[in-house]
Amino acid sequence: MTSRMKGSDSTTTTGSPAGPTDAAPPDSTPPDSPSTAAGSREPIWSRDLAVVWVVNFCLALAFYGLVTIMAVYAVTRFAVSDSTGGLAASIFVVGATVARLFAGGLVDRLGRRRVLWAGLAACAAVAALYLVASSLPLLLAVRATHGVLFAVTSTAAMTLAQARIPSSRRSEGTGYFALSITLSTAIGPFMSLEVVHSAGYDTLFWSIFATHAAACLLALLISAKDEPRSQPARERTVRGVLTSMVHPAVLPIGLFMLVIGCVYSTIVTYLNSYTAEEGLERGASLFFVAYATVMFVSRFVMGRLQDRRGDNVVVYSAIVVFAGALLLLGTASADWMIVLTGALTGFGFGTINPACQAAAVSRVPQEQFGVAISTFFLMLDGGVGLGPVVFGLIAERAGYSAMFLVLAGVMLLSALLYLAVHGRRSDARHGRAATVAAHA
């Protein structure tokens, strides 16, 4: 849920705030235009980006904190089946995926800061409704609404972040910004389980409310500089409606991310069942520790390499490593192999996601960052939902091991798809720093 904000109104979704020299270009200026190129070592961080980083962390913290306990809460509170309880967790993602269709256009038309603040305030209000949801239908309605608001608010945050990242350091800044989500995946579940065990569910819901409220107050600190003027609604033709929901320039690399989302979600979905079947539960318990550790460390290296050497060197290496992880997983016979698989997956998926996010944003002018980001995550989320269903059929017929080996082949073949949709572009081959400098 896979998933990603900026610190000022002209910021892009996955970056970090930049200082005055990091200010984003005027409304009509593409992100890689000469006006943003003050040199390859423009500072990434600014107060705005730092604030958006914290806001995004709060959003993701609330998401991972709730999704961890929601199924159990529904079963315990309303005495429903495990599958029905699972719906209480997953309907949030359904609402978020649907909201991706209009979130980007809404952010671009109404303004990033305005949508971010309103979204955070609405998230706080909805968080309070968990306390009074006295039936399962009410809980499902609250969860779905929360998912919609999360998608819109996170899109606004990520758009703000990207607009504050210098185009010459877009990949590096995007990686740093994505750490706000990486950290929340570790802290959120731990926090929610500790609060529930020590103080109960109501205390957790109050904590989620307080987290959203604090983020809402922090958002007031984001400056309004370089906020693009609100965009007029697109003409009410079929094409105009579609392009306000899905950006055509982002669809090609979005298709590649759909495949990556399929592979990643299939691993996460079936890992526990596979390791239990093979007697490798101990390795599975450390899988995500290794995953998060390697992902965290790689963010400080791969983004800088991508800006200097191009998208291809980073993405192709990540594809190979990701495929290797799946080969290892499909042939695992010891716990250490599962742990190593987690580390390789952290490098593979953890590198591809921010790398392609930066590439997607670089395809559009700044005033369309919102639609670009929502399109990217719509495709990724679609893959996350589709993967376990499609590849689960292989597991049913041939077993988990065969399924993971097939996924390894899919990963290697995805390199051809990447080449077709993005790999031949100049910035993919030479790097954004070189491209910006060449136009300066």
Protein backbone atom coordinates (compact mmCIF):
# COMPACT_ATOMS: atom_id res chain seq x y z
CA MET A 1 0.00 0.00 0.00
CA THR A 2 2.03 0.14 -0.93
CA SER A 3 2.99 3.89 -1.06
CA ARG A 4 4.06 8.60 -0.83
CA MET A 5 4.95 14.54 -0.24
CA LYS A 6 6.42 17.93 -0.40
CA GLY A 7 6.78 20.87 1.87
CA SER A 8 5.42 23.71 -0.17
CA ASP A 9 2.82 24.47 -2.70
CA SER A 10 5.00 23.92 -5.66
CA THR A 11 6.38 20.74 -4.21
CA THR A 12 6.11 17.28 -5.73
CA THR A 13 4.82 14.23 -4.09
CA THR A 14 7.87 12.29 -3.16
CA GLY A 15 10.55 14.81 -2.49
CA SER A 16 11.81 16.86 0.34
CA PRO A 17 11.43 20.55 0.95
CA ALA A 18 13.97 22.80 -0.63
CA GLY A 19 15.16 26.20 0.41
CA PRO A 20 14.88 29.40 -1.64
CA THR A 21 17.26 28.02 -4.23
CA ASP A 22 15.04 24.95 -4.49
CA ALA A 23 11.94 26.88 -5.41
CA ALA A 24 9.95 25.17 -8.10
CA PRO A 25 9.55 26.69 -11.55
CA PRO A 26 6.66 28.90 -12.60
CA ASP A 27 3.32 27.29 -13.36
CA SER A 28 3.97 26.55 -16.99
CA THR A 29 7.58 25.50 -16.63
CA PRO A 30 8.42 21.81 -16.83
CA PRO A 31 10.26 20.47 -13.80
CA ASP A 32 13.47 19.89 -15.74
CA SER A 33 13.58 23.30 -17.37
CA PRO A 34 16.58 25.63 -17.13
CA SER A 35 14.79 27.83 -14.65
CA THR A 36 15.18 25.14 -11.98
CA ALA A 37 18.77 24.31 -12.73
CA ALA A 38 20.99 26.18 -10.35
CA GLY A 39 23.53 23.39 -10.47
CA SER A 40 23.67 19.71 -9.77
CA ARG A 41 24.28 20.26 -6.05
CA GLU A 42 21.32 22.49 -5.29
CA PRO A 43 20.27 21.95 -1.66
CA ILE A 44 17.36 19.55 -1.29
CA TRP A 45 16.05 20.31 2.16
CA SER A 46 14.09 23.37 3.24
CA ARG A 47 11.70 24.10 6.08
CA ASP A 48 8.71 23.45 3.83
CA LEU A 49 9.95 20.05 2.70
CA ALA A 50 10.80 19.06 6.26
CA VAL A 51 7.29 19.99 7.39
CA VAL A 52 5.68 18.02 4.57
CA TRP A 53 7.96 15.07 5.41
CA VAL A 54 6.61 15.04 8.96
CA VAL A 55 3.03 15.47 7.74
CA ASN A 56 3.43 12.55 5.35
CA PHE A 57 4.95 10.46 8.13
CA CYS A 58 1.91 11.18 10.32
CA LEU A 59 -0.46 10.16 7.53
CA ALA A 60 1.37 6.91 6.87
CA LEU A 61 1.73 6.23 10.61
CA ALA A 62 -2.05 6.43 11.02
CA PHE A 63 -2.60 4.16 8.01
CA TYR A 64 -0.20 1.41 9.12
CA GLY A 65 -1.29 1.73 12.72
CA LEU A 66 -4.94 1.11 11.86
CA VAL A 67 -4.54 -1.53 9.15
CA THR A 68 -2.56 -3.71 11.57
CA ILE A 69 -5.38 -4.05 14.09
CA MET A 70 -8.55 -3.37 12.09
CA ALA A 71 -9.43 -6.96 11.15
CA VAL A 72 -8.98 -8.18 14.71
CA TYR A 73 -10.91 -5.18 16.04
CA ALA A 74 -13.89 -5.93 13.78
CA VAL A 75 -13.91 -9.61 14.77
CA THR A 76 -13.62 -8.79 18.47
CA ARG A 77 -16.07 -5.89 18.56
CA PHE A 78 -18.81 -7.21 16.26
CA ALA A 79 -18.31 -11.00 16.49
CA VAL A 80 -17.95 -11.45 12.72
CA SER A 81 -15.95 -13.99 10.72
CA ASP A 82 -12.28 -13.53 9.92
CA SER A 83 -13.06 -12.87 6.24
CA THR A 84 -15.58 -10.17 7.16
CA GLY A 85 -13.08 -8.68 9.56
CA GLY A 86 -10.55 -8.63 6.73
CA LEU A 87 -13.00 -6.52 4.76
CA ALA A 88 -12.80 -3.86 7.47
CA ALA A 89 -9.08 -3.62 6.76
CA SER A 90 -9.15 -3.86 2.95
CA ILE A 91 -12.08 -1.53 2.24
CA PHE A 92 -9.78 1.36 3.17
CA VAL A 93 -7.57 0.45 0.20
CA VAL A 94 -10.63 0.18 -2.06
CA GLY A 95 -11.67 3.71 -1.12
CA ALA A 96 -8.13 5.00 -1.64
CA THR A 97 -7.81 3.36 -5.06
CA VAL A 98 -11.09 4.83 -6.28
CA ALA A 99 -10.05 8.26 -4.98
CA ARG A 100 -6.85 8.13 -7.04
CA LEU A 101 -9.02 8.72 -10.11
CA PHE A 102 -9.92 12.24 -9.05
CA ALA A 103 -7.35 13.15 -6.37
CA GLY A 104 -4.70 14.48 -8.74
CA GLY A 105 -7.08 16.68 -10.71
CA LEU A 106 -8.57 18.00 -7.48
CA VAL A 107 -5.12 18.94 -6.13
CA ASP A 108 -4.09 20.64 -9.38
CA ARG A 109 -7.33 22.63 -9.63
CA LEU A 110 -7.88 23.68 -6.02
CA GLY A 111 -4.29 24.10 -4.84
CA ARG A 112 -1.91 21.83 -2.96
CA ARG A 113 -1.83 23.58 0.40
CA ARG A 114 -5.59 24.06 0.47
CA VAL A 115 -6.30 20.41 -0.30
CA LEU A 116 -3.64 19.19 2.12
CA TRP A 117 -4.97 21.19 5.05
CA ALA A 118 -8.64 20.40 4.33
CA GLY A 119 -7.79 16.73 3.87
CA LEU A 120 -5.92 16.52 7.16
CA ALA A 121 -8.78 18.22 9.01
CA ALA A 122 -11.25 15.79 7.45
CA CYS A 123 -9.00 12.83 8.32
CA ALA A 124 -8.98 13.97 11.96
CA ALA A 125 -12.77 14.19 11.97
CA VAL A 126 -13.13 10.72 10.46
CA ALA A 127 -10.61 9.29 12.94
CA ALA A 128 -12.92 10.46 15.74
CA LEU A 129 -15.78 8.53 14.13
CA TYR A 130 -14.05 5.21 14.86
CA LEU A 131 -14.99 5.86 18.48
CA VAL A 132 -18.72 5.99 17.70
CA ALA A 133 -18.99 3.40 14.90
CA SER A 134 -21.37 1.06 16.74
CA SER A 135 -22.02 -1.45 13.96
CA LEU A 136 -20.04 -3.16 11.24
CA PRO A 137 -21.74 -1.22 8.38
CA LEU A 138 -20.83 2.05 10.11
CA LEU A 139 -17.24 0.89 10.61
CA LEU A 140 -16.98 -0.06 6.92
CA ALA A 141 -18.35 3.35 5.92
CA VAL A 142 -15.80 5.10 8.15
CA ARG A 143 -12.97 2.97 6.73
CA ALA A 144 -13.95 3.62 3.11
CA THR A 145 -14.29 7.37 3.74
CA HIS A 146 -10.93 7.42 5.50
CA GLY A 147 -9.38 5.68 2.50
CA VAL A 148 -10.74 8.30 0.11
CA LEU A 149 -9.46 11.16 2.28
CA PHE A 150 -6.08 9.48 2.72
CA ALA A 151 -5.59 9.19 -1.04
CA VAL A 152 -6.48 12.84 -1.68
CA THR A 153 -4.42 14.16 1.24
CA SER A 154 -1.34 12.06 0.51
CA THR A 155 -1.48 13.10 -3.15
CA ALA A 156 -1.45 16.75 -2.09
CA ALA A 157 1.46 16.14 0.28
CA MET A 158 3.52 14.29 -2.29
CA THR A 159 2.84 16.96 -4.88
CA LEU A 160 4.02 19.65 -2.50
CA ALA A 161 7.17 17.65 -1.81
CA GLN A 162 8.07 17.13 -5.48
CA ALA A 163 7.67 20.81 -6.23
CA ARG A 164 10.28 21.62 -3.60
CA ILE A 165 12.88 19.16 -4.92
CA PRO A 166 15.35 20.56 -7.47
CA SER A 167 14.92 18.80 -10.81
CA SER A 168 18.65 18.04 -10.94
CA ARG A 169 18.32 16.06 -7.67
CA ARG A 170 14.79 14.75 -8.09
CA SER A 171 15.63 11.07 -7.59
CA GLU A 172 17.72 11.69 -4.49
CA GLY A 173 15.09 13.93 -2.94
CA THR A 174 12.30 11.50 -3.78
CA GLY A 175 14.19 8.73 -2.02
CA TYR A 176 14.67 10.83 1.10
CA PHE A 177 11.03 11.80 1.14
CA ALA A 178 9.96 8.16 0.76
CA LEU A 179 11.75 7.43 4.04
CA SER A 180 8.76 9.01 5.78
CA ILE A 181 6.75 5.99 4.66
CA THR A 182 9.54 3.48 5.27
CA LEU A 183 9.82 4.52 8.91
CA SER A 184 6.07 4.52 9.41
CA THR A 185 5.83 0.89 8.27
CA ALA A 186 8.05 -0.09 11.19
CA ILE A 187 6.73 2.28 13.84
CA GLY A 188 3.00 2.23 13.02
CA PRO A 189 2.23 -1.47 13.61
CA PHE A 190 4.43 -1.61 16.70
CA MET A 191 2.81 1.51 18.13
CA SER A 192 -0.76 0.33 17.52
CA LEU A 193 -0.21 -3.11 19.03
CA GLU A 194 1.45 -1.64 22.12
CA VAL A 195 -1.35 0.88 22.65
CA VAL A 196 -4.10 -1.72 22.15
CA HIS A 197 -2.49 -4.20 24.53
CA SER A 198 -1.82 -1.63 27.23
CA ALA A 199 -4.77 0.77 26.97
CA GLY A 200 -7.37 -0.58 24.52
CA TYR A 201 -8.80 0.30 21.14
CA ASP A 202 -10.41 3.58 22.16
CA THR A 203 -7.04 4.94 23.24
CA LEU A 204 -5.58 3.95 19.89
CA PHE A 205 -8.37 5.76 18.03
CA TRP A 206 -7.76 8.89 20.13
CA SER A 207 -4.07 8.58 19.28
CA ILE A 208 -4.87 8.41 15.56
CA PHE A 209 -7.09 11.46 15.92
CA ALA A 210 -4.28 13.33 17.69
CA THR A 211 -1.80 12.32 14.98
CA HIS A 212 -4.02 13.75 12.25
CA ALA A 213 -4.75 16.90 14.26
CA ALA A 214 -1.03 17.51 14.86
CA ALA A 215 -0.33 17.08 11.14
CA CYS A 216 -3.14 19.53 10.36
CA LEU A 217 -1.55 22.17 12.59
CA LEU A 218 1.90 21.54 11.11
CA ALA A 219 0.51 22.02 7.60
CA LEU A 220 -0.26 25.64 8.49
CA LEU A 221 3.51 26.25 8.56
CA ILE A 222 3.92 25.45 4.85
CA SER A 223 4.57 28.59 2.86
CA ALA A 224 2.43 29.62 -0.09
CA LYS A 225 5.35 30.61 -2.31
CA ASP A 226 5.34 29.33 -5.87
CA GLU A 227 1.91 27.77 -5.49
CA PRO A 228 0.59 27.43 -9.04
CA ARG A 229 -2.63 29.26 -9.71
CA SER A 230 -5.68 27.05 -9.41
CA GLN A 231 -6.22 25.24 -12.66
CA PRO A 232 -9.54 25.59 -14.46
CA ALA A 233 -11.62 22.47 -14.85
CA ARG A 234 -10.91 20.64 -18.07
CA GLU A 235 -13.48 20.70 -20.82
CA ARG A 236 -16.32 18.28 -20.22
CA THR A 237 -15.51 15.97 -23.10
CA VAL A 238 -14.71 12.31 -22.58
CA ARG A 239 -11.05 13.02 -23.29
CA GLY A 240 -11.01 16.00 -20.94
CA VAL A 241 -12.53 13.99 -18.10
CA LEU A 242 -10.12 11.10 -18.62
CA THR A 243 -7.00 13.27 -18.74
CA SER A 244 -8.04 14.98 -15.50
CA MET A 245 -7.98 11.55 -13.85
CA VAL A 246 -5.13 9.73 -15.61
CA HIS A 247 -2.15 11.52 -17.16
CA PRO A 248 -1.27 9.99 -20.56
CA ALA A 249 2.44 10.79 -20.16
CA VAL A 250 2.64 8.77 -16.93
CA LEU A 251 0.66 5.74 -18.13
CA PRO A 252 3.64 4.03 -19.86
CA ILE A 253 5.84 3.89 -16.78
CA GLY A 254 2.69 3.33 -14.73
CA LEU A 255 2.16 0.12 -16.68
CA PHE A 256 5.62 -1.02 -15.63
CA MET A 257 4.76 -0.19 -12.00
CA LEU A 258 1.55 -2.20 -12.28
CA VAL A 259 3.70 -5.27 -12.98
CA ILE A 260 6.04 -4.43 -10.09
CA GLY A 261 3.06 -3.97 -7.77
CA CYS A 262 1.74 -7.41 -8.81
CA VAL A 263 5.04 -9.06 -7.94
CA TYR A 264 5.55 -7.28 -4.63
CA SER A 265 2.02 -7.82 -3.31
CA THR A 266 2.15 -11.51 -4.21
CA ILE A 267 5.28 -11.95 -2.08
CA VAL A 268 3.72 -10.15 0.88
CA THR A 269 0.42 -12.02 0.58
CA TYR A 270 1.78 -15.56 0.40
CA LEU A 271 5.06 -15.31 2.33
CA ASN A 272 3.65 -16.53 5.65
CA SER A 273 1.73 -19.42 4.11
CA TYR A 274 4.77 -20.52 2.11
CA THR A 275 7.22 -20.34 5.01
CA ALA A 276 4.79 -22.16 7.33
CA GLU A 277 4.46 -24.91 4.74
CA GLU A 278 8.26 -25.19 4.46
CA GLY A 279 8.94 -24.86 8.20
CA LEU A 280 10.76 -21.52 7.77
CA GLU A 281 8.67 -19.34 10.06
CA ARG A 282 11.71 -17.99 11.90
CA GLY A 283 13.13 -16.61 8.68
CA ALA A 284 9.76 -15.07 7.84
CA SER A 285 9.73 -13.23 11.17
CA LEU A 286 12.95 -11.45 10.14
CA PHE A 287 12.01 -10.94 6.49
CA PHE A 288 10.64 -7.43 6.95
CA VAL A 289 13.40 -6.41 9.35
CA ALA A 290 15.95 -7.15 6.62
CA TYR A 291 13.64 -5.60 4.03
CA ALA A 292 13.24 -2.30 5.88
CA THR A 293 16.91 -2.07 6.84
CA VAL A 294 18.24 -2.49 3.31
CA MET A 295 15.54 -0.22 1.87
CA PHE A 296 16.44 2.51 4.35
CA VAL A 297 20.16 2.35 3.60
CA SER A 298 19.73 2.13 -0.18
CA ARG A 299 17.74 5.37 -0.25
CA PHE A 300 20.90 7.30 0.64
CA VAL A 301 22.82 5.88 -2.31
CA MET A 302 20.58 4.97 -5.23
CA GLY A 303 18.78 8.29 -5.66
CA ARG A 304 22.05 10.20 -5.98
CA LEU A 305 23.34 7.60 -8.44
CA GLN A 306 20.14 7.88 -10.48
CA ASP A 307 20.41 11.66 -10.78
CA ARG A 308 24.03 11.43 -11.92
CA ARG A 309 24.00 8.30 -14.09
CA GLY A 310 20.38 8.00 -15.21
CA ASP A 311 17.31 5.94 -14.39
CA ASN A 312 18.47 2.88 -16.33
CA VAL A 313 21.52 1.96 -14.27
CA VAL A 314 19.41 2.01 -11.11
CA VAL A 315 16.24 0.36 -12.41
CA TYR A 316 17.95 -2.44 -14.33
CA SER A 317 20.14 -3.34 -11.36
CA ALA A 318 17.08 -3.35 -9.08
CA ILE A 319 15.19 -5.60 -11.51
CA VAL A 320 18.03 -8.12 -11.51
CA VAL A 321 18.30 -8.09 -7.72
CA PHE A 322 14.50 -8.39 -7.33
CA ALA A 323 14.46 -11.37 -9.71
CA GLY A 324 17.31 -12.92 -7.72
CA ALA A 325 15.27 -12.50 -4.54
CA LEU A 326 12.39 -14.42 -6.09
CA LEU A 327 14.66 -17.21 -7.33
CA LEU A 328 16.08 -17.52 -3.83
CA LEU A 329 12.63 -17.49 -2.28
CA GLY A 330 11.32 -20.16 -4.65
CA THR A 331 14.21 -22.50 -3.76
CA ALA A 332 14.57 -21.61 -0.06
CA SER A 333 15.47 -24.44 2.29
CA ALA A 334 16.80 -22.51 5.30
CA ASP A 335 15.77 -19.52 7.40
CA TRP A 336 18.78 -17.46 6.34
CA MET A 337 17.60 -17.71 2.72
CA ILE A 338 14.27 -16.11 3.67
CA VAL A 339 16.07 -13.32 5.51
CA LEU A 340 18.36 -12.72 2.53
CA THR A 341 15.30 -12.67 0.28
CA GLY A 342 13.89 -9.88 2.45
CA ALA A 343 17.10 -7.87 2.09
CA LEU A 344 17.18 -8.32 -1.70
CA THR A 345 13.49 -7.43 -1.96
CA GLY A 346 14.13 -4.28 0.06
CA PHE A 347 16.78 -3.23 -2.44
CA GLY A 348 14.75 -4.27 -5.50
CA PHE A 349 11.30 -2.89 -4.75
CA GLY A 350 12.67 -0.17 -2.48
CA THR A 351 14.79 1.16 -5.35
CA ILE A 352 12.32 0.76 -8.22
CA ASN A 353 9.44 2.53 -6.48
CA PRO A 354 11.05 5.96 -5.79
CA ALA A 355 13.15 5.74 -8.96
CA CYS A 356 10.10 5.38 -11.20
CA GLN A 357 8.18 7.91 -9.10
CA ALA A 358 10.85 10.51 -9.88
CA ALA A 359 10.81 9.48 -13.54
CA ALA A 360 7.03 9.85 -13.73
CA VAL A 361 7.04 13.36 -12.25
CA SER A 362 9.82 14.42 -14.60
CA ARG A 363 7.54 13.73 -17.57
CA VAL A 364 5.05 16.51 -16.82
CA PRO A 365 5.00 20.28 -16.18
CA GLN A 366 4.74 21.32 -12.57
CA GLU A 367 1.11 22.38 -12.70
CA GLN A 368 0.21 18.77 -13.55
CA PHE A 369 2.20 17.13 -10.76
CA GLY A 370 -0.98 16.14 -8.90
CA VAL A 371 -2.46 14.13 -11.76
CA ALA A 372 0.94 12.58 -12.48
CA ILE A 373 1.32 11.37 -8.92
CA SER A 374 -2.23 10.03 -8.61
CA THR A 375 -1.80 8.20 -11.94
CA PHE A 376 1.43 6.62 -10.73
CA PHE A 377 -0.12 5.33 -7.53
CA LEU A 378 -3.33 4.29 -9.25
CA MET A 379 -1.30 1.92 -11.43
CA LEU A 380 0.84 0.71 -8.53
CA ASP A 381 -2.20 0.13 -6.32
CA GLY A 382 -3.92 -1.67 -9.17
CA GLY A 383 -1.01 -4.07 -9.39
CA VAL A 384 -1.01 -4.57 -5.63
CA GLY A 385 -4.65 -5.64 -5.80
CA LEU A 386 -4.31 -7.74 -8.94
CA GLY A 387 -1.13 -9.69 -8.17
CA PRO A 388 -2.32 -12.07 -5.41
CA VAL A 389 -5.42 -12.93 -7.44
CA VAL A 390 -3.61 -13.69 -10.71
CA PHE A 391 -0.52 -15.42 -9.34
CA GLY A 392 -2.48 -17.12 -6.59
CA LEU A 393 -3.97 -19.33 -9.32
CA ILE A 394 -0.46 -20.64 -10.04
CA ALA A 395 0.07 -21.38 -6.35
CA GLU A 396 -3.18 -23.37 -6.27
CA ARG A 397 -2.15 -25.54 -9.21
CA ALA A 398 1.63 -25.84 -8.85
CA GLY A 399 2.51 -24.69 -5.34
CA TYR A 400 4.12 -21.62 -3.82
CA SER A 401 7.64 -22.47 -4.92
CA ALA A 402 6.62 -22.67 -8.58
CA MET A 403 4.70 -19.40 -8.23
CA PHE A 404 7.76 -17.54 -6.94
CA LEU A 405 9.91 -18.95 -9.74
CA VAL A 406 7.35 -17.74 -12.28
CA LEU A 407 7.47 -14.32 -10.61
CA ALA A 408 11.25 -14.29 -11.06
CA GLY A 409 10.72 -14.77 -14.78
CA VAL A 410 8.12 -11.99 -14.82
CA MET A 411 10.61 -9.65 -13.16
CA LEU A 412 13.28 -10.36 -15.75
CA LEU A 413 10.81 -9.86 -18.60
CA SER A 414 9.70 -6.56 -17.02
CA ALA A 415 13.10 -5.15 -18.06
CA LEU A 416 11.89 -5.32 -21.67
CA LEU A 417 8.70 -3.48 -20.74
CA TYR A 418 10.73 -0.82 -18.94
CA LEU A 419 12.97 -0.38 -21.97
CA ALA A 420 9.94 0.04 -24.21
CA VAL A 421 8.12 2.58 -22.03
CA HIS A 422 10.97 4.62 -20.55
CA GLY A 423 14.49 3.25 -20.92
CA ARG A 424 15.29 4.96 -24.22
CA ARG A 425 14.66 8.50 -22.94
CA SER A 426 17.63 10.86 -22.58
CA ASP A 427 17.22 11.39 -18.82
CA ALA A 428 16.89 7.63 -18.35
CA ARG A 429 20.23 7.06 -20.10
CA HIS A 430 22.23 10.08 -18.90
CA GLY A 431 20.66 11.33 -15.67
CA ARG A 432 18.61 14.35 -14.70
CA ALA A 433 21.59 16.37 -13.50
CA ALA A 434 23.24 16.11 -16.91
CA THR A 435 19.97 16.82 -18.71
CA VAL A 436 19.27 19.95 -16.65
CA ALA A 437 22.84 21.18 -17.03
CA ALA A 438 22.67 20.69 -20.81
CA HIS A 439 19.63 23.01 -20.99
CA ALA A 440 20.99 25.61 -18.57
